[in-house]
Amino acid sequence: MGYDSYGGHGIAPEHLLASLKIGDAAIDGEHERLFGELYRLRQEMLAGGAASGGRSGFQSTLGTIGATMMAHFEHEERFFATLGMPESEVLCHLGAHREIVHQYAELNLRLLQDPSLDSEAVLTMVQEWIFYHLIRYDLKMRPYVALMHSE
């Protein structure tokens, strides 16, 4: 992907992404795109953040992340039907998707009301959506994907 580091922590995205793969090329590619957009959002924050007025690069990237997340969630939800995951796990995962969509909508409303909203807080929220969701929910798909590919 060509990034020097992610988040100033010296973590190469390639190493991070490799440890977070679930084993399905399409889903893993979507995760990679989300991480790329997250990196871009961080770069936009460093370049001026949400307070630059109008439709700044930060807000535009945030919109791209939202659209990418929504498409990814729709794809994952169709993908569940092929995995044979227990219904309780699927329902928890779906609930997590709904919660992120709700938080994203609230964030956009807050940004409309106050475009000077702290861009670092916004970045932290988006990082939590992407990292926490992937670790807490998406990685649970890995054994089902492996089983599906072994059949």
C-alpha atoms as a PDB file:
ATOM      1  CA  MET A   1       0.000   0.000   0.000  1.00  0.00           C
ATOM      2  CA  GLY A   2       2.985   2.283   0.326  1.00  0.00           C
ATOM      3  CA  TYR A   3       2.340   3.866   3.697  1.00  0.00           C
ATOM      4  CA  ASP A   4       5.366   4.612   5.862  1.00  0.00           C
ATOM      5  CA  SER A   5       3.512   4.144   9.115  1.00  0.00           C
ATOM      6  CA  TYR A   6       0.016   4.180  10.487  1.00  0.00           C
ATOM      7  CA  GLY A   7      -1.153   6.537  13.175  1.00  0.00           C
ATOM      8  CA  GLY A   8       2.331   7.617  14.165  1.00  0.00           C
ATOM      9  CA  HIS A   9       2.855   4.347  15.999  1.00  0.00           C
ATOM     10  CA  GLY A  10       5.362   2.913  13.568  1.00  0.00           C
ATOM     11  CA  ILE A  11       3.038   0.063  12.614  1.00  0.00           C
ATOM     12  CA  ALA A  12       3.373  -0.844   8.953  1.00  0.00           C
ATOM     13  CA  PRO A  13      -0.129  -1.294   7.534  1.00  0.00           C
ATOM     14  CA  GLU A  14       0.991  -4.379   5.626  1.00  0.00           C
ATOM     15  CA  HIS A  15       1.905  -6.120   8.895  1.00  0.00           C
ATOM     16  CA  LEU A  16      -1.242  -4.954  10.603  1.00  0.00           C
ATOM     17  CA  LEU A  17      -3.458  -5.975   7.717  1.00  0.00           C
ATOM     18  CA  ALA A  18      -1.846  -9.400   7.455  1.00  0.00           C
ATOM     19  CA  SER A  19      -2.754 -10.164  11.073  1.00  0.00           C
ATOM     20  CA  LEU A  20      -6.359  -9.026  10.542  1.00  0.00           C
ATOM     21  CA  LYS A  21      -7.233 -11.019   7.429  1.00  0.00           C
ATOM     22  CA  ILE A  22     -10.248 -13.303   7.661  1.00  0.00           C
ATOM     23  CA  GLY A  23      -9.290 -15.328   4.598  1.00  0.00           C
ATOM     24  CA  ASP A  24     -11.780 -14.037   2.044  1.00  0.00           C
ATOM     25  CA  ALA A  25     -10.095 -11.891  -0.609  1.00  0.00           C
ATOM     26  CA  ALA A  26     -13.098  -9.610  -1.184  1.00  0.00           C
ATOM     27  CA  ILE A  27     -13.758  -8.891   2.503  1.00  0.00           C
ATOM     28  CA  ASP A  28     -10.039  -8.516   3.232  1.00  0.00           C
ATOM     29  CA  GLY A  29      -9.764  -6.095   0.299  1.00  0.00           C
ATOM     30  CA  GLU A  30     -12.609  -4.013   1.706  1.00  0.00           C
ATOM     31  CA  HIS A  31     -10.864  -3.923   5.079  1.00  0.00           C
ATOM     32  CA  GLU A  32      -7.685  -2.800   3.342  1.00  0.00           C
ATOM     33  CA  ARG A  33      -9.593   0.020   1.604  1.00  0.00           C
ATOM     34  CA  LEU A  34     -11.042   1.111   4.955  1.00  0.00           C
ATOM     35  CA  PHE A  35      -7.564   1.206   6.488  1.00  0.00           C
ATOM     36  CA  GLY A  36      -6.338   3.230   3.511  1.00  0.00           C
ATOM     37  CA  GLU A  37      -9.177   5.727   3.964  1.00  0.00           C
ATOM     38  CA  LEU A  38      -8.493   5.861   7.698  1.00  0.00           C
ATOM     39  CA  TYR A  39      -4.860   6.690   6.937  1.00  0.00           C
ATOM     40  CA  ARG A  40      -6.063   9.386   4.508  1.00  0.00           C
ATOM     41  CA  LEU A  41      -8.387  10.808   7.187  1.00  0.00           C
ATOM     42  CA  ARG A  42      -5.448  11.059   9.555  1.00  0.00           C
ATOM     43  CA  GLN A  43      -3.393  12.840   6.890  1.00  0.00           C
ATOM     44  CA  GLU A  44      -6.284  15.259   6.262  1.00  0.00           C
ATOM     45  CA  MET A  45      -6.538  15.926  10.008  1.00  0.00           C
ATOM     46  CA  LEU A  46      -2.836  16.752  10.133  1.00  0.00           C
ATOM     47  CA  ALA A  47      -3.293  19.040   7.123  1.00  0.00           C
ATOM     48  CA  GLY A  48      -6.048  21.114   8.696  1.00  0.00           C
ATOM     49  CA  GLY A  49      -8.860  18.956   9.998  1.00  0.00           C
ATOM     50  CA  ALA A  50     -12.574  19.505   9.977  1.00  0.00           C
ATOM     51  CA  ALA A  51     -12.355  23.195  10.855  1.00  0.00           C
ATOM     52  CA  SER A  52     -11.175  24.402   7.444  1.00  0.00           C
ATOM     53  CA  GLY A  53     -14.735  25.280   6.438  1.00  0.00           C
ATOM     54  CA  GLY A  54     -17.069  23.991   3.767  1.00  0.00           C
ATOM     55  CA  ARG A  55     -16.531  20.516   2.378  1.00  0.00           C
ATOM     56  CA  SER A  56     -12.919  20.059   3.474  1.00  0.00           C
ATOM     57  CA  GLY A  57     -10.713  17.126   2.554  1.00  0.00           C
ATOM     58  CA  PHE A  58     -11.310  15.763   6.050  1.00  0.00           C
ATOM     59  CA  GLN A  59     -15.085  15.831   5.648  1.00  0.00           C
ATOM     60  CA  SER A  60     -14.852  14.439   2.136  1.00  0.00           C
ATOM     61  CA  THR A  61     -12.698  11.540   3.333  1.00  0.00           C
ATOM     62  CA  LEU A  62     -15.116  10.963   6.202  1.00  0.00           C
ATOM     63  CA  GLY A  63     -17.902  10.705   3.623  1.00  0.00           C
ATOM     64  CA  THR A  64     -15.872   8.205   1.615  1.00  0.00           C
ATOM     65  CA  ILE A  65     -15.299   6.134   4.758  1.00  0.00           C
ATOM     66  CA  GLY A  66     -19.021   6.152   5.467  1.00  0.00           C
ATOM     67  CA  ALA A  67     -19.910   5.001   1.951  1.00  0.00           C
ATOM     68  CA  THR A  68     -17.183   2.344   2.036  1.00  0.00           C
ATOM     69  CA  MET A  69     -18.376   1.081   5.442  1.00  0.00           C
ATOM     70  CA  MET A  70     -22.005   0.881   4.324  1.00  0.00           C
ATOM     71  CA  ALA A  71     -21.098  -1.087   1.194  1.00  0.00           C
ATOM     72  CA  HIS A  72     -18.813  -3.321   3.255  1.00  0.00           C
ATOM     73  CA  PHE A  73     -21.529  -4.001   5.827  1.00  0.00           C
ATOM     74  CA  GLU A  74     -24.001  -4.902   3.070  1.00  0.00           C
ATOM     75  CA  HIS A  75     -21.449  -7.280   1.540  1.00  0.00           C
ATOM     76  CA  GLU A  76     -20.666  -8.885   4.896  1.00  0.00           C
ATOM     77  CA  GLU A  77     -24.348  -9.353   5.639  1.00  0.00           C
ATOM     78  CA  ARG A  78     -24.821 -11.223   2.337  1.00  0.00           C
ATOM     79  CA  PHE A  79     -21.630 -13.180   3.066  1.00  0.00           C
ATOM     80  CA  PHE A  80     -22.986 -14.444   6.417  1.00  0.00           C
ATOM     81  CA  ALA A  81     -25.447 -16.673   4.578  1.00  0.00           C
ATOM     82  CA  THR A  82     -22.566 -18.637   3.060  1.00  0.00           C
ATOM     83  CA  LEU A  83     -20.592 -19.134   6.269  1.00  0.00           C
ATOM     84  CA  GLY A  84     -22.800 -21.249   8.488  1.00  0.00           C
ATOM     85  CA  MET A  85     -22.153 -19.001  11.495  1.00  0.00           C
ATOM     86  CA  PRO A  86     -24.410 -19.502  14.509  1.00  0.00           C
ATOM     87  CA  GLU A  87     -27.416 -17.195  14.415  1.00  0.00           C
ATOM     88  CA  SER A  88     -26.451 -15.606  17.738  1.00  0.00           C
ATOM     89  CA  GLU A  89     -23.065 -14.515  16.328  1.00  0.00           C
ATOM     90  CA  VAL A  90     -24.688 -13.169  13.168  1.00  0.00           C
ATOM     91  CA  LEU A  91     -27.260 -11.197  15.187  1.00  0.00           C
ATOM     92  CA  CYS A  92     -24.530  -9.658  17.372  1.00  0.00           C
ATOM     93  CA  HIS A  93     -22.559  -8.740  14.269  1.00  0.00           C
ATOM     94  CA  LEU A  94     -25.631  -7.179  12.635  1.00  0.00           C
ATOM     95  CA  GLY A  95     -26.299  -5.211  15.812  1.00  0.00           C
ATOM     96  CA  ALA A  96     -22.745  -3.873  15.724  1.00  0.00           C
ATOM     97  CA  HIS A  97     -23.266  -2.763  12.124  1.00  0.00           C
ATOM     98  CA  ARG A  98     -26.472  -0.939  13.074  1.00  0.00           C
ATOM     99  CA  GLU A  99     -24.738   0.784  15.994  1.00  0.00           C
ATOM    100  CA  ILE A 100     -21.885   2.045  13.806  1.00  0.00           C
ATOM    101  CA  VAL A 101     -24.354   3.294  11.173  1.00  0.00           C
ATOM    102  CA  HIS A 102     -26.274   5.116  13.933  1.00  0.00           C
ATOM    103  CA  GLN A 103     -23.085   6.672  15.345  1.00  0.00           C
ATOM    104  CA  TYR A 104     -21.968   7.684  11.850  1.00  0.00           C
ATOM    105  CA  ALA A 105     -25.306   9.416  11.196  1.00  0.00           C
ATOM    106  CA  GLU A 106     -25.100  11.225  14.553  1.00  0.00           C
ATOM    107  CA  LEU A 107     -21.541  12.312  13.809  1.00  0.00           C
ATOM    108  CA  ASN A 108     -22.589  13.769  10.466  1.00  0.00           C
ATOM    109  CA  LEU A 109     -25.428  15.696  12.131  1.00  0.00           C
ATOM    110  CA  ARG A 110     -23.003  17.049  14.722  1.00  0.00           C
ATOM    111  CA  LEU A 111     -20.579  18.105  11.961  1.00  0.00           C
ATOM    112  CA  LEU A 112     -23.405  19.927  10.149  1.00  0.00           C
ATOM    113  CA  GLN A 113     -24.230  21.808  13.345  1.00  0.00           C
ATOM    114  CA  ASP A 114     -20.596  22.436  14.281  1.00  0.00           C
ATOM    115  CA  PRO A 115     -18.075  22.085  11.433  1.00  0.00           C
ATOM    116  CA  SER A 116     -15.277  22.967  13.861  1.00  0.00           C
ATOM    117  CA  LEU A 117     -15.804  19.735  15.779  1.00  0.00           C
ATOM    118  CA  ASP A 118     -12.473  18.400  17.051  1.00  0.00           C
ATOM    119  CA  SER A 119     -11.057  16.411  14.145  1.00  0.00           C
ATOM    120  CA  GLU A 120      -8.873  14.333  16.472  1.00  0.00           C
ATOM    121  CA  ALA A 121     -11.967  13.152  18.350  1.00  0.00           C
ATOM    122  CA  VAL A 122     -13.621  12.304  15.031  1.00  0.00           C
ATOM    123  CA  LEU A 123     -10.541  10.365  13.913  1.00  0.00           C
ATOM    124  CA  THR A 124     -10.532   8.433  17.194  1.00  0.00           C
ATOM    125  CA  MET A 125     -14.202   7.537  16.742  1.00  0.00           C
ATOM    126  CA  VAL A 126     -13.640   6.299  13.181  1.00  0.00           C
ATOM    127  CA  GLN A 127     -10.568   4.296  14.249  1.00  0.00           C
ATOM    128  CA  GLU A 128     -12.671   2.610  16.917  1.00  0.00           C
ATOM    129  CA  TRP A 129     -15.358   1.742  14.393  1.00  0.00           C
ATOM    130  CA  ILE A 130     -12.879   0.158  12.027  1.00  0.00           C
ATOM    131  CA  PHE A 131     -10.376  -1.459  14.405  1.00  0.00           C
ATOM    132  CA  TYR A 132     -12.738  -2.482  17.186  1.00  0.00           C
ATOM    133  CA  HIS A 133     -15.361  -3.854  14.828  1.00  0.00           C
ATOM    134  CA  LEU A 134     -12.840  -5.829  12.812  1.00  0.00           C
ATOM    135  CA  ILE A 135     -11.184  -7.297  15.907  1.00  0.00           C
ATOM    136  CA  ARG A 136     -14.368  -7.877  17.925  1.00  0.00           C
ATOM    137  CA  TYR A 137     -16.653  -9.109  15.146  1.00  0.00           C
ATOM    138  CA  ASP A 138     -15.045  -9.681  11.750  1.00  0.00           C
ATOM    139  CA  LEU A 139     -12.233 -11.902  13.012  1.00  0.00           C
ATOM    140  CA  LYS A 140     -14.914 -14.284  14.335  1.00  0.00           C
ATOM    141  CA  MET A 141     -15.623 -15.107  10.692  1.00  0.00           C
ATOM    142  CA  ARG A 142     -12.081 -16.436  10.132  1.00  0.00           C
ATOM    143  CA  PRO A 143     -12.705 -20.064  11.250  1.00  0.00           C
ATOM    144  CA  TYR A 144     -15.919 -20.257   9.203  1.00  0.00           C
ATOM    145  CA  VAL A 145     -14.138 -18.891   6.130  1.00  0.00           C
ATOM    146  CA  ALA A 146     -11.326 -21.424   6.620  1.00  0.00           C
ATOM    147  CA  LEU A 147     -13.868 -24.237   6.939  1.00  0.00           C
ATOM    148  CA  MET A 148     -15.708 -23.035   3.842  1.00  0.00           C
ATOM    149  CA  HIS A 149     -12.459 -23.019   1.834  1.00  0.00           C
ATOM    150  CA  SER A 150     -11.455 -26.478   3.080  1.00  0.00           C
ATOM    151  CA  GLU A 151     -14.638 -28.135   1.788  1.00  0.00           C
END
